[in-house]
Amino acid sequence: MNQLYNSEKDDLITILSEYTQSPVLFVRFVALMHPDTPVTFVEEASQSLFWLERYAIAVNPAAPRKLREKLAEDANRIVNAAARANLLIM
């Protein structure tokens, strides 16, 4: 059986970094939600025009607090609600 990720030979951080650059929105969405995605990619995507990408960052428990605070004021009510909820938890 083929695996997307082999923990013995693959570097998760590298894979997540590559996925954040994918042309497929769903792949970027999942990568941006992952707590091990490098902060540089999370920070860059926080400026995204796609609300789903900003939402993924808002629910990412490892996203910097500063980004979650910014997203708590996002024009999209789903993004700002998720960010506010994540601020309460963290």
C-alpha atoms as a PDB file:
ATOM      1  CA  MET A   1       0.000   0.000   0.000  1.00  0.00           C
ATOM      2  CA  ASN A   2       1.347   3.437  -0.925  1.00  0.00           C
ATOM      3  CA  GLN A   3       1.468   6.049   1.790  1.00  0.00           C
ATOM      4  CA  LEU A   4       1.495   9.793   1.371  1.00  0.00           C
ATOM      5  CA  TYR A   5       3.769  10.159   4.365  1.00  0.00           C
ATOM      6  CA  ASN A   6       6.387   7.748   5.648  1.00  0.00           C
ATOM      7  CA  SER A   7       7.565   8.859   9.098  1.00  0.00           C
ATOM      8  CA  GLU A   8      10.839   6.954   8.760  1.00  0.00           C
ATOM      9  CA  LYS A   9      12.043   8.696   5.605  1.00  0.00           C
ATOM     10  CA  ASP A  10       9.874  11.774   4.991  1.00  0.00           C
ATOM     11  CA  ASP A  11      10.266  15.134   6.656  1.00  0.00           C
ATOM     12  CA  LEU A  12       6.793  16.317   7.695  1.00  0.00           C
ATOM     13  CA  ILE A  13       7.799  19.988   7.818  1.00  0.00           C
ATOM     14  CA  THR A  14       9.079  19.862   4.237  1.00  0.00           C
ATOM     15  CA  ILE A  15       5.935  18.123   3.035  1.00  0.00           C
ATOM     16  CA  LEU A  16       3.665  20.643   4.780  1.00  0.00           C
ATOM     17  CA  SER A  17       5.700  23.505   3.324  1.00  0.00           C
ATOM     18  CA  GLU A  18       5.248  22.065  -0.156  1.00  0.00           C
ATOM     19  CA  TYR A  19       1.513  21.540   0.402  1.00  0.00           C
ATOM     20  CA  THR A  20       1.014  25.195   1.358  1.00  0.00           C
ATOM     21  CA  GLN A  21       2.173  26.073  -2.162  1.00  0.00           C
ATOM     22  CA  SER A  22      -0.183  23.610  -3.877  1.00  0.00           C
ATOM     23  CA  PRO A  23      -2.526  24.953  -6.547  1.00  0.00           C
ATOM     24  CA  VAL A  24      -5.296  22.845  -4.972  1.00  0.00           C
ATOM     25  CA  LEU A  25      -7.185  24.909  -2.383  1.00  0.00           C
ATOM     26  CA  PHE A  26      -8.169  21.885  -0.275  1.00  0.00           C
ATOM     27  CA  VAL A  27      -4.542  20.735   0.020  1.00  0.00           C
ATOM     28  CA  ARG A  28      -3.451  24.214   1.159  1.00  0.00           C
ATOM     29  CA  PHE A  29      -6.423  24.343   3.555  1.00  0.00           C
ATOM     30  CA  VAL A  30      -5.417  21.103   5.287  1.00  0.00           C
ATOM     31  CA  ALA A  31      -1.723  22.048   5.405  1.00  0.00           C
ATOM     32  CA  LEU A  32      -2.483  25.454   6.930  1.00  0.00           C
ATOM     33  CA  MET A  33      -4.554  23.836   9.672  1.00  0.00           C
ATOM     34  CA  HIS A  34      -1.678  21.564  10.714  1.00  0.00           C
ATOM     35  CA  PRO A  35       0.217  22.786  13.801  1.00  0.00           C
ATOM     36  CA  ASP A  36       3.579  21.739  12.350  1.00  0.00           C
ATOM     37  CA  THR A  37       3.291  23.927   9.254  1.00  0.00           C
ATOM     38  CA  PRO A  38       6.133  26.468   9.379  1.00  0.00           C
ATOM     39  CA  VAL A  39       5.051  29.870  10.678  1.00  0.00           C
ATOM     40  CA  THR A  40       6.429  31.679   7.622  1.00  0.00           C
ATOM     41  CA  PHE A  41       3.871  29.929   5.415  1.00  0.00           C
ATOM     42  CA  VAL A  42       1.084  30.544   7.926  1.00  0.00           C
ATOM     43  CA  GLU A  43       1.957  34.248   8.113  1.00  0.00           C
ATOM     44  CA  GLU A  44       2.008  34.562   4.322  1.00  0.00           C
ATOM     45  CA  ALA A  45      -1.346  32.793   3.927  1.00  0.00           C
ATOM     46  CA  SER A  46      -2.977  35.003   6.567  1.00  0.00           C
ATOM     47  CA  GLN A  47      -3.160  37.632   3.791  1.00  0.00           C
ATOM     48  CA  SER A  48      -4.991  35.252   1.450  1.00  0.00           C
ATOM     49  CA  LEU A  49      -8.029  36.393  -0.499  1.00  0.00           C
ATOM     50  CA  PHE A  50      -9.566  32.963   0.156  1.00  0.00           C
ATOM     51  CA  TRP A  51     -11.504  32.939   3.410  1.00  0.00           C
ATOM     52  CA  LEU A  52     -10.956  29.167   3.756  1.00  0.00           C
ATOM     53  CA  GLU A  53      -7.209  29.708   4.021  1.00  0.00           C
ATOM     54  CA  ARG A  54      -7.668  32.422   6.651  1.00  0.00           C
ATOM     55  CA  TYR A  55     -10.093  30.110   8.475  1.00  0.00           C
ATOM     56  CA  ALA A  56      -7.504  27.306   8.465  1.00  0.00           C
ATOM     57  CA  ILE A  57      -5.047  29.647  10.157  1.00  0.00           C
ATOM     58  CA  ALA A  58      -7.676  30.847  12.620  1.00  0.00           C
ATOM     59  CA  VAL A  59      -8.238  27.279  13.854  1.00  0.00           C
ATOM     60  CA  ASN A  60      -4.562  26.264  13.755  1.00  0.00           C
ATOM     61  CA  PRO A  61      -3.544  25.928  17.424  1.00  0.00           C
ATOM     62  CA  ALA A  62       0.065  26.779  16.576  1.00  0.00           C
ATOM     63  CA  ALA A  63      -0.705  29.981  14.678  1.00  0.00           C
ATOM     64  CA  PRO A  64       0.925  32.949  16.385  1.00  0.00           C
ATOM     65  CA  ARG A  65      -1.420  34.769  18.739  1.00  0.00           C
ATOM     66  CA  LYS A  66      -0.823  38.006  16.814  1.00  0.00           C
ATOM     67  CA  LEU A  67      -2.247  36.410  13.649  1.00  0.00           C
ATOM     68  CA  ARG A  68      -5.242  34.975  15.502  1.00  0.00           C
ATOM     69  CA  GLU A  69      -5.928  38.414  17.010  1.00  0.00           C
ATOM     70  CA  LYS A  70      -5.800  39.954  13.531  1.00  0.00           C
ATOM     71  CA  LEU A  71      -8.109  37.265  12.151  1.00  0.00           C
ATOM     72  CA  ALA A  72     -10.521  37.847  15.051  1.00  0.00           C
ATOM     73  CA  GLU A  73     -11.253  41.135  13.253  1.00  0.00           C
ATOM     74  CA  ASP A  74     -11.545  39.557   9.791  1.00  0.00           C
ATOM     75  CA  ALA A  75     -14.409  40.750   7.584  1.00  0.00           C
ATOM     76  CA  ASN A  76     -15.575  37.160   7.169  1.00  0.00           C
ATOM     77  CA  ARG A  77     -17.712  36.258  10.174  1.00  0.00           C
ATOM     78  CA  ILE A  78     -16.739  32.565  10.041  1.00  0.00           C
ATOM     79  CA  VAL A  79     -13.037  33.436  10.106  1.00  0.00           C
ATOM     80  CA  ASN A  80     -13.373  35.966  12.903  1.00  0.00           C
ATOM     81  CA  ALA A  81     -15.567  33.652  15.003  1.00  0.00           C
ATOM     82  CA  ALA A  82     -13.066  30.804  14.645  1.00  0.00           C
ATOM     83  CA  ALA A  83     -10.159  33.074  15.539  1.00  0.00           C
ATOM     84  CA  ARG A  84     -11.991  34.446  18.581  1.00  0.00           C
ATOM     85  CA  ALA A  85     -12.787  30.906  19.748  1.00  0.00           C
ATOM     86  CA  ASN A  86      -9.151  29.880  19.263  1.00  0.00           C
ATOM     87  CA  LEU A  87      -8.005  32.892  21.282  1.00  0.00           C
ATOM     88  CA  LEU A  88     -10.178  31.756  24.182  1.00  0.00           C
ATOM     89  CA  ILE A  89      -8.708  28.262  24.108  1.00  0.00           C
ATOM     90  CA  MET A  90      -5.071  29.263  23.784  1.00  0.00           C
END
